[in-house]
Structure formats: C-alpha cells, structure tokens
Amino acid sequence: MIRRPVSARLTHEMGNAPTGNAPEGPRRADDGMLVLSYLLSGLIFYGGLGWVGDYFLQTSWLLPLGLILGLVSSIYIIIKRYGSGT
C-alpha cells in the first residue's frame, strides 16, 4: 500500500485563505528539537520570573506558579504551531 501525505489546503473559493502559520510540506527532522526548546524556554522564562518575584516579595508560591504557567504557555504555542488543524 502506498502512503501519500495528506494535506488540507483552503482556497479562496472556500472562503478562507491559508494563513501561512503552519510549516509547508513534510515535517523537518529538527522539529523535535524546536518543541523541546519551546518547552525549556517557557519553563526557564516564567520560572525565572516566579523566582525573582519570590525573592523580592518574600513569597513561596510564585516559582511553582511561574513553572506551571510556563509549561502551559509552551504547550499552547506548540499546539498552535504544530497542531493538525482539524
């Protein structure tokens, strides 16, 4: 059985034009590294903001909140960029 890539493209006749956000063609080999970098950067950035907030405000709950917020925002960005769109 021959497997062919499935693509769904919108045309102007369908009412919507392609946005160009999703990568065209087959997935690249380095997409896994990009996803990992999104996850790590979200955790480091928002975790760092939480750590700084904990340090200056003398609290203990901003670091875990920042880590969770960073993970959730990273997953959201990954789904928006690499989601199937169906």
PDB file of N, CA and C in Angstrom:
ATOM      1  N   MET A   1       0.843  -1.179   0.000  1.00  0.00           N
ATOM      2  CA  MET A   1       0.000   0.000   0.000  1.00  0.00           C
ATOM      3  C   MET A   1       0.888   1.241   0.000  1.00  0.00           C
ATOM      4  N   ILE A   2       0.633   2.147  -0.890  1.00  0.00           N
ATOM      5  CA  ILE A   2       1.414   3.371  -0.994  1.00  0.00           C
ATOM      6  C   ILE A   2       0.784   4.432  -0.099  1.00  0.00           C
ATOM      7  N   ARG A   3       1.623   5.002   0.769  1.00  0.00           N
ATOM      8  CA  ARG A   3       1.139   6.069   1.646  1.00  0.00           C
ATOM      9  C   ARG A   3       1.539   7.402   1.059  1.00  0.00           C
ATOM     10  N   ARG A   4       0.593   8.260   0.940  1.00  0.00           N
ATOM     11  CA  ARG A   4       0.832   9.594   0.426  1.00  0.00           C
ATOM     12  C   ARG A   4       0.501  10.597   1.520  1.00  0.00           C
ATOM     13  N   PRO A   5       1.238  11.694   1.561  1.00  0.00           N
ATOM     14  CA  PRO A   5       0.941  12.694   2.599  1.00  0.00           C
ATOM     15  C   PRO A   5      -0.439  13.310   2.384  1.00  0.00           C
ATOM     16  N   VAL A   6      -1.104  13.531   3.488  1.00  0.00           N
ATOM     17  CA  VAL A   6      -2.434  14.131   3.455  1.00  0.00           C
ATOM     18  C   VAL A   6      -2.261  15.619   3.709  1.00  0.00           C
ATOM     19  N   SER A   7      -2.843  16.415   2.854  1.00  0.00           N
ATOM     20  CA  SER A   7      -2.781  17.857   3.077  1.00  0.00           C
ATOM     21  C   SER A   7      -4.168  18.444   2.839  1.00  0.00           C
ATOM     22  N   ALA A   8      -4.495  19.389   3.682  1.00  0.00           N
ATOM     23  CA  ALA A   8      -5.764  20.093   3.541  1.00  0.00           C
ATOM     24  C   ALA A   8      -5.440  21.559   3.347  1.00  0.00           C
ATOM     25  N   ARG A   9      -5.686  22.047   2.159  1.00  0.00           N
ATOM     26  CA  ARG A   9      -5.416  23.453   1.875  1.00  0.00           C
ATOM     27  C   ARG A   9      -6.729  24.162   1.577  1.00  0.00           C
ATOM     28  N   LEU A  10      -6.828  25.351   2.088  1.00  0.00           N
ATOM     29  CA  LEU A  10      -8.003  26.160   1.835  1.00  0.00           C
ATOM     30  C   LEU A  10      -7.751  27.027   0.614  1.00  0.00           C
ATOM     31  N   THR A  11      -8.766  27.205  -0.185  1.00  0.00           N
ATOM     32  CA  THR A  11      -8.650  28.079  -1.341  1.00  0.00           C
ATOM     33  C   THR A  11      -9.540  29.290  -1.132  1.00  0.00           C
ATOM     34  N   HIS A  12      -9.360  30.267  -1.977  1.00  0.00           N
ATOM     35  CA  HIS A  12     -10.166  31.482  -1.861  1.00  0.00           C
ATOM     36  C   HIS A  12     -11.642  31.194  -2.111  1.00  0.00           C
ATOM     37  N   GLU A  13     -11.915  30.174  -2.906  1.00  0.00           N
ATOM     38  CA  GLU A  13     -13.308  29.833  -3.178  1.00  0.00           C
ATOM     39  C   GLU A  13     -14.000  29.260  -1.941  1.00  0.00           C
ATOM     40  N   MET A  14     -13.215  28.742  -1.005  1.00  0.00           N
ATOM     41  CA  MET A  14     -13.783  28.157   0.201  1.00  0.00           C
ATOM     42  C   MET A  14     -14.072  29.214   1.258  1.00  0.00           C
ATOM     43  N   GLY A  15     -13.639  30.427   1.025  1.00  0.00           N
ATOM     44  CA  GLY A  15     -13.944  31.488   1.958  1.00  0.00           C
ATOM     45  C   GLY A  15     -12.795  31.885   2.856  1.00  0.00           C
ATOM     46  N   ASN A  16     -11.760  31.090   2.939  1.00  0.00           N
ATOM     47  CA  ASN A  16     -10.621  31.390   3.789  1.00  0.00           C
ATOM     48  C   ASN A  16      -9.340  31.188   3.006  1.00  0.00           C
ATOM     49  N   ALA A  17      -8.394  32.044   3.226  1.00  0.00           N
ATOM     50  CA  ALA A  17      -7.082  31.892   2.601  1.00  0.00           C
ATOM     51  C   ALA A  17      -6.141  31.236   3.603  1.00  0.00           C
ATOM     52  N   PRO A  18      -5.144  30.496   3.143  1.00  0.00           N
ATOM     53  CA  PRO A  18      -4.174  29.916   4.073  1.00  0.00           C
ATOM     54  C   PRO A  18      -3.447  31.014   4.839  1.00  0.00           C
ATOM     55  N   THR A  19      -3.216  30.775   6.112  1.00  0.00           N
ATOM     56  CA  THR A  19      -2.579  31.792   6.939  1.00  0.00           C
ATOM     57  C   THR A  19      -1.072  31.761   6.827  1.00  0.00           C
ATOM     58  N   GLY A  20      -0.499  30.628   6.516  1.00  0.00           N
ATOM     59  CA  GLY A  20       0.943  30.530   6.403  1.00  0.00           C
ATOM     60  C   GLY A  20       1.636  30.280   7.729  1.00  0.00           C
ATOM     61  N   ASN A  21       0.885  30.023   8.804  1.00  0.00           N
ATOM     62  CA  ASN A  21       1.498  29.771  10.102  1.00  0.00           C
ATOM     63  C   ASN A  21       2.135  28.398  10.178  1.00  0.00           C
ATOM     64  N   ALA A  22       1.491  27.411   9.600  1.00  0.00           N
ATOM     65  CA  ALA A  22       1.994  26.043   9.701  1.00  0.00           C
ATOM     66  C   ALA A  22       3.101  25.832   8.684  1.00  0.00           C
ATOM     67  N   PRO A  23       4.074  25.018   9.049  1.00  0.00           N
ATOM     68  CA  PRO A  23       5.141  24.748   8.090  1.00  0.00           C
ATOM     69  C   PRO A  23       4.613  23.970   6.901  1.00  0.00           C
ATOM     70  N   GLU A  24       5.077  24.315   5.710  1.00  0.00           N
ATOM     71  CA  GLU A  24       4.633  23.667   4.490  1.00  0.00           C
ATOM     72  C   GLU A  24       5.398  22.373   4.277  1.00  0.00           C
ATOM     73  N   GLY A  25       4.767  21.434   3.612  1.00  0.00           N
ATOM     74  CA  GLY A  25       5.445  20.194   3.228  1.00  0.00           C
ATOM     75  C   GLY A  25       5.652  19.252   4.402  1.00  0.00           C
ATOM     76  N   PRO A  26       6.519  18.272   4.215  1.00  0.00           N
ATOM     77  CA  PRO A  26       6.749  17.296   5.284  1.00  0.00           C
ATOM     78  C   PRO A  26       7.456  17.939   6.473  1.00  0.00           C
ATOM     79  N   ARG A  27       7.274  17.326   7.617  1.00  0.00           N
ATOM     80  CA  ARG A  27       7.917  17.825   8.834  1.00  0.00           C
ATOM     81  C   ARG A  27       9.426  17.711   8.711  1.00  0.00           C
ATOM     82  N   ARG A  28      10.116  18.689   9.257  1.00  0.00           N
ATOM     83  CA  ARG A  28      11.566  18.665   9.228  1.00  0.00           C
ATOM     84  C   ARG A  28      12.098  17.790  10.349  1.00  0.00           C
ATOM     85  N   ALA A  29      13.331  17.365  10.222  1.00  0.00           N
ATOM     86  CA  ALA A  29      13.931  16.478  11.212  1.00  0.00           C
ATOM     87  C   ALA A  29      14.188  17.192  12.529  1.00  0.00           C
ATOM     88  N   ASP A  30      14.354  18.505  12.506  1.00  0.00           N
ATOM     89  CA  ASP A  30      14.673  19.218  13.743  1.00  0.00           C
ATOM     90  C   ASP A  30      13.451  19.767  14.466  1.00  0.00           C
ATOM     91  N   ASP A  31      12.255  19.342  14.093  1.00  0.00           N
ATOM     92  CA  ASP A  31      11.054  19.804  14.790  1.00  0.00           C
ATOM     93  C   ASP A  31      11.034  19.349  16.247  1.00  0.00           C
ATOM     94  N   GLY A  32      11.570  18.179  16.519  1.00  0.00           N
ATOM     95  CA  GLY A  32      11.630  17.703  17.903  1.00  0.00           C
ATOM     96  C   GLY A  32      12.482  18.609  18.775  1.00  0.00           C
ATOM     97  N   MET A  33      13.579  19.075  18.231  1.00  0.00           N
ATOM     98  CA  MET A  33      14.436  19.990  18.985  1.00  0.00           C
ATOM     99  C   MET A  33      13.754  21.341  19.188  1.00  0.00           C
ATOM    100  N   LEU A  34      12.977  21.780  18.203  1.00  0.00           N
ATOM    101  CA  LEU A  34      12.240  23.036  18.359  1.00  0.00           C
ATOM    102  C   LEU A  34      11.176  22.915  19.449  1.00  0.00           C
ATOM    103  N   VAL A  35      10.482  21.797  19.478  1.00  0.00           N
ATOM    104  CA  VAL A  35       9.469  21.585  20.513  1.00  0.00           C
ATOM    105  C   VAL A  35      10.128  21.556  21.887  1.00  0.00           C
ATOM    106  N   LEU A  36      11.258  20.860  22.001  1.00  0.00           N
ATOM    107  CA  LEU A  36      11.976  20.819  23.273  1.00  0.00           C
ATOM    108  C   LEU A  36      12.437  22.206  23.690  1.00  0.00           C
ATOM    109  N   SER A  37      12.904  23.001  22.735  1.00  0.00           N
ATOM    110  CA  SER A  37      13.353  24.351  23.076  1.00  0.00           C
ATOM    111  C   SER A  37      12.190  25.239  23.505  1.00  0.00           C
ATOM    112  N   TYR A  38      11.008  25.057  22.907  1.00  0.00           N
ATOM    113  CA  TYR A  38       9.830  25.803  23.363  1.00  0.00           C
ATOM    114  C   TYR A  38       9.500  25.447  24.814  1.00  0.00           C
ATOM    115  N   LEU A  39       9.522  24.160  25.121  1.00  0.00           N
ATOM    116  CA  LEU A  39       9.203  23.736  26.489  1.00  0.00           C
ATOM    117  C   LEU A  39      10.211  24.290  27.489  1.00  0.00           C
ATOM    118  N   LEU A  40      11.485  24.149  27.180  1.00  0.00           N
ATOM    119  CA  LEU A  40      12.513  24.617  28.112  1.00  0.00           C
ATOM    120  C   LEU A  40      12.508  26.138  28.257  1.00  0.00           C
ATOM    121  N   SER A  41      12.324  26.849  27.159  1.00  0.00           N
ATOM    122  CA  SER A  41      12.349  28.303  27.257  1.00  0.00           C
ATOM    123  C   SER A  41      11.153  28.829  28.055  1.00  0.00           C
ATOM    124  N   GLY A  42       9.981  28.207  27.900  1.00  0.00           N
ATOM    125  CA  GLY A  42       8.829  28.633  28.691  1.00  0.00           C
ATOM    126  C   GLY A  42       9.042  28.388  30.173  1.00  0.00           C
ATOM    127  N   LEU A  43       9.589  27.204  30.498  1.00  0.00           N
ATOM    128  CA  LEU A  43       9.851  26.901  31.902  1.00  0.00           C
ATOM    129  C   LEU A  43      10.909  27.829  32.490  1.00  0.00           C
ATOM    130  N   ILE A  44      11.980  28.073  31.745  1.00  0.00           N
ATOM    131  CA  ILE A  44      13.059  28.918  32.261  1.00  0.00           C
ATOM    132  C   ILE A  44      12.603  30.369  32.398  1.00  0.00           C
ATOM    133  N   PHE A  45      11.904  30.887  31.389  1.00  0.00           N
ATOM    134  CA  PHE A  45      11.497  32.295  31.435  1.00  0.00           C
ATOM    135  C   PHE A  45      10.491  32.556  32.554  1.00  0.00           C
ATOM    136  N   TYR A  46       9.370  31.820  32.537  1.00  0.00           N
ATOM    137  CA  TYR A  46       8.339  32.075  33.552  1.00  0.00           C
ATOM    138  C   TYR A  46       8.753  31.574  34.930  1.00  0.00           C
ATOM    139  N   GLY A  47       9.547  30.503  34.975  1.00  0.00           N
ATOM    140  CA  GLY A  47      10.094  30.072  36.261  1.00  0.00           C
ATOM    141  C   GLY A  47      11.047  31.104  36.824  1.00  0.00           C
ATOM    142  N   GLY A  48      11.840  31.732  35.941  1.00  0.00           N
ATOM    143  CA  GLY A  48      12.734  32.794  36.389  1.00  0.00           C
ATOM    144  C   GLY A  48      11.976  34.003  36.895  1.00  0.00           C
ATOM    145  N   LEU A  49      10.904  34.355  36.197  1.00  0.00           N
ATOM    146  CA  LEU A  49      10.079  35.464  36.686  1.00  0.00           C
ATOM    147  C   LEU A  49       9.467  35.134  38.047  1.00  0.00           C
ATOM    148  N   GLY A  50       9.020  33.890  38.214  1.00  0.00           N
ATOM    149  CA  GLY A  50       8.473  33.481  39.503  1.00  0.00           C
ATOM    150  C   GLY A  50       9.517  33.496  40.597  1.00  0.00           C
ATOM    151  N   TRP A  51      10.736  33.056  40.267  1.00  0.00           N
ATOM    152  CA  TRP A  51      11.815  33.059  41.249  1.00  0.00           C
ATOM    153  C   TRP A  51      12.168  34.476  41.675  1.00  0.00           C
ATOM    154  N   VAL A  52      12.259  35.400  40.717  1.00  0.00           N
ATOM    155  CA  VAL A  52      12.555  36.799  41.035  1.00  0.00           C
ATOM    156  C   VAL A  52      11.424  37.399  41.875  1.00  0.00           C
ATOM    157  N   GLY A  53      10.184  37.076  41.510  1.00  0.00           N
ATOM    158  CA  GLY A  53       9.060  37.567  42.302  1.00  0.00           C
ATOM    159  C   GLY A  53       9.081  37.027  43.715  1.00  0.00           C
ATOM    160  N   ASP A  54       9.409  35.738  43.865  1.00  0.00           N
ATOM    161  CA  ASP A  54       9.523  35.162  45.211  1.00  0.00           C
ATOM    162  C   ASP A  54      10.637  35.835  46.011  1.00  0.00           C
ATOM    163  N   TYR A  55      11.736  36.117  45.359  1.00  0.00           N
ATOM    164  CA  TYR A  55      12.887  36.714  46.047  1.00  0.00           C
ATOM    165  C   TYR A  55      12.558  38.109  46.565  1.00  0.00           C
ATOM    166  N   PHE A  56      11.954  38.936  45.710  1.00  0.00           N
ATOM    167  CA  PHE A  56      11.706  40.322  46.106  1.00  0.00           C
ATOM    168  C   PHE A  56      10.439  40.497  46.942  1.00  0.00           C
ATOM    169  N   LEU A  57       9.459  39.648  46.750  1.00  0.00           N
ATOM    170  CA  LEU A  57       8.210  39.784  47.503  1.00  0.00           C
ATOM    171  C   LEU A  57       8.153  38.893  48.735  1.00  0.00           C
ATOM    172  N   GLN A  58       9.209  38.094  48.961  1.00  0.00           N
ATOM    173  CA  GLN A  58       9.288  37.203  50.122  1.00  0.00           C
ATOM    174  C   GLN A  58       8.105  36.241  50.196  1.00  0.00           C
ATOM    175  N   THR A  59       7.787  35.635  49.049  1.00  0.00           N
ATOM    176  CA  THR A  59       6.717  34.643  48.994  1.00  0.00           C
ATOM    177  C   THR A  59       7.326  33.295  48.626  1.00  0.00           C
ATOM    178  N   SER A  60       6.499  32.269  48.592  1.00  0.00           N
ATOM    179  CA  SER A  60       6.998  30.940  48.207  1.00  0.00           C
ATOM    180  C   SER A  60       6.114  30.279  47.158  1.00  0.00           C
ATOM    181  N   TRP A  61       5.144  30.983  46.623  1.00  0.00           N
ATOM    182  CA  TRP A  61       4.218  30.371  45.682  1.00  0.00           C
ATOM    183  C   TRP A  61       4.373  30.875  44.250  1.00  0.00           C
ATOM    184  N   LEU A  62       5.174  31.891  44.010  1.00  0.00           N
ATOM    185  CA  LEU A  62       5.309  32.427  42.662  1.00  0.00           C
ATOM    186  C   LEU A  62       6.172  31.542  41.752  1.00  0.00           C
ATOM    187  N   LEU A  63       7.182  30.875  42.295  1.00  0.00           N
ATOM    188  CA  LEU A  63       8.013  29.986  41.476  1.00  0.00           C
ATOM    189  C   LEU A  63       7.208  28.813  40.931  1.00  0.00           C
ATOM    190  N   PRO A  64       6.458  28.068  41.768  1.00  0.00           N
ATOM    191  CA  PRO A  64       5.645  26.993  41.188  1.00  0.00           C
ATOM    192  C   PRO A  64       4.592  27.505  40.208  1.00  0.00           C
ATOM    193  N   LEU A  65       4.009  28.663  40.504  1.00  0.00           N
ATOM    194  CA  LEU A  65       3.033  29.244  39.582  1.00  0.00           C
ATOM    195  C   LEU A  65       3.694  29.616  38.254  1.00  0.00           C
ATOM    196  N   GLY A  66       4.889  30.189  38.313  1.00  0.00           N
ATOM    197  CA  GLY A  66       5.606  30.536  37.097  1.00  0.00           C
ATOM    198  C   GLY A  66       5.974  29.314  36.276  1.00  0.00           C
ATOM    199  N   LEU A  67       6.395  28.228  36.941  1.00  0.00           N
ATOM    200  CA  LEU A  67       6.722  27.000  36.221  1.00  0.00           C
ATOM    201  C   LEU A  67       5.492  26.406  35.526  1.00  0.00           C
ATOM    202  N   ILE A  68       4.380  26.398  36.229  1.00  0.00           N
ATOM    203  CA  ILE A  68       3.147  25.864  35.635  1.00  0.00           C
ATOM    204  C   ILE A  68       2.688  26.757  34.483  1.00  0.00           C
ATOM    205  N   LEU A  69       2.733  28.059  34.678  1.00  0.00           N
ATOM    206  CA  LEU A  69       2.345  28.988  33.611  1.00  0.00           C
ATOM    207  C   LEU A  69       3.255  28.852  32.396  1.00  0.00           C
ATOM    208  N   GLY A  70       4.541  28.679  32.628  1.00  0.00           N
ATOM    209  CA  GLY A  70       5.479  28.497  31.527  1.00  0.00           C
ATOM    210  C   GLY A  70       5.229  27.209  30.763  1.00  0.00           C
ATOM    211  N   LEU A  71       4.931  26.136  31.467  1.00  0.00           N
ATOM    212  CA  LEU A  71       4.652  24.865  30.804  1.00  0.00           C
ATOM    213  C   LEU A  71       3.361  24.940  29.996  1.00  0.00           C
ATOM    214  N   VAL A  72       2.326  25.530  30.571  1.00  0.00           N
ATOM    215  CA  VAL A  72       1.045  25.642  29.875  1.00  0.00           C
ATOM    216  C   VAL A  72       1.165  26.534  28.642  1.00  0.00           C
ATOM    217  N   SER A  73       1.856  27.645  28.773  1.00  0.00           N
ATOM    218  CA  SER A  73       2.004  28.532  27.618  1.00  0.00           C
ATOM    219  C   SER A  73       2.859  27.891  26.533  1.00  0.00           C
ATOM    220  N   SER A  74       3.872  27.127  26.908  1.00  0.00           N
ATOM    221  CA  SER A  74       4.689  26.428  25.916  1.00  0.00           C
ATOM    222  C   SER A  74       3.884  25.381  25.170  1.00  0.00           C
ATOM    223  N   ILE A  75       3.085  24.634  25.885  1.00  0.00           N
ATOM    224  CA  ILE A  75       2.251  23.612  25.238  1.00  0.00           C
ATOM    225  C   ILE A  75       1.235  24.279  24.312  1.00  0.00           C
ATOM    226  N   TYR A  76       0.688  25.408  24.735  1.00  0.00           N
ATOM    227  CA  TYR A  76      -0.250  26.135  23.874  1.00  0.00           C
ATOM    228  C   TYR A  76       0.422  26.576  22.572  1.00  0.00           C
ATOM    229  N   ILE A  77       1.624  27.120  22.674  1.00  0.00           N
ATOM    230  CA  ILE A  77       2.347  27.569  21.475  1.00  0.00           C
ATOM    231  C   ILE A  77       2.668  26.386  20.573  1.00  0.00           C
ATOM    232  N   ILE A  78       3.049  25.257  21.149  1.00  0.00           N
ATOM    233  CA  ILE A  78       3.367  24.068  20.354  1.00  0.00           C
ATOM    234  C   ILE A  78       2.126  23.573  19.625  1.00  0.00           C
ATOM    235  N   ILE A  79       1.002  23.542  20.307  1.00  0.00           N
ATOM    236  CA  ILE A  79      -0.232  23.083  19.669  1.00  0.00           C
ATOM    237  C   ILE A  79      -0.653  24.048  18.562  1.00  0.00           C
ATOM    238  N   LYS A  80      -0.521  25.344  18.798  1.00  0.00           N
ATOM    239  CA  LYS A  80      -0.878  26.316  17.758  1.00  0.00           C
ATOM    240  C   LYS A  80       0.028  26.187  16.543  1.00  0.00           C
ATOM    241  N   ARG A  81       1.302  25.892  16.746  1.00  0.00           N
ATOM    242  CA  ARG A  81       2.224  25.826  15.619  1.00  0.00           C
ATOM    243  C   ARG A  81       2.186  24.475  14.914  1.00  0.00           C
ATOM    244  N   TYR A  82       2.145  23.393  15.654  1.00  0.00           N
ATOM    245  CA  TYR A  82       2.264  22.064  15.066  1.00  0.00           C
ATOM    246  C   TYR A  82       0.975  21.254  15.113  1.00  0.00           C
ATOM    247  N   GLY A  83      -0.121  21.843  15.574  1.00  0.00           N
ATOM    248  CA  GLY A  83      -1.388  21.118  15.640  1.00  0.00           C
ATOM    249  C   GLY A  83      -1.869  20.687  14.268  1.00  0.00           C
ATOM    250  N   SER A  84      -2.731  19.707  14.244  1.00  0.00           N
ATOM    251  CA  SER A  84      -3.189  19.161  12.968  1.00  0.00           C
ATOM    252  C   SER A  84      -4.126  20.128  12.251  1.00  0.00           C
ATOM    253  N   GLY A  85      -4.773  20.998  12.968  1.00  0.00           N
ATOM    254  CA  GLY A  85      -5.647  21.969  12.334  1.00  0.00           C
ATOM    255  C   GLY A  85      -6.999  21.414  11.938  1.00  0.00           C
ATOM    256  N   THR A  86      -7.319  20.219  12.408  1.00  0.00           N
ATOM    257  CA  THR A  86      -8.610  19.630  12.054  1.00  0.00           C
ATOM    258  C   THR A  86      -9.615  19.871  13.135  1.00  0.00           C
TER     259      THR A  86
END
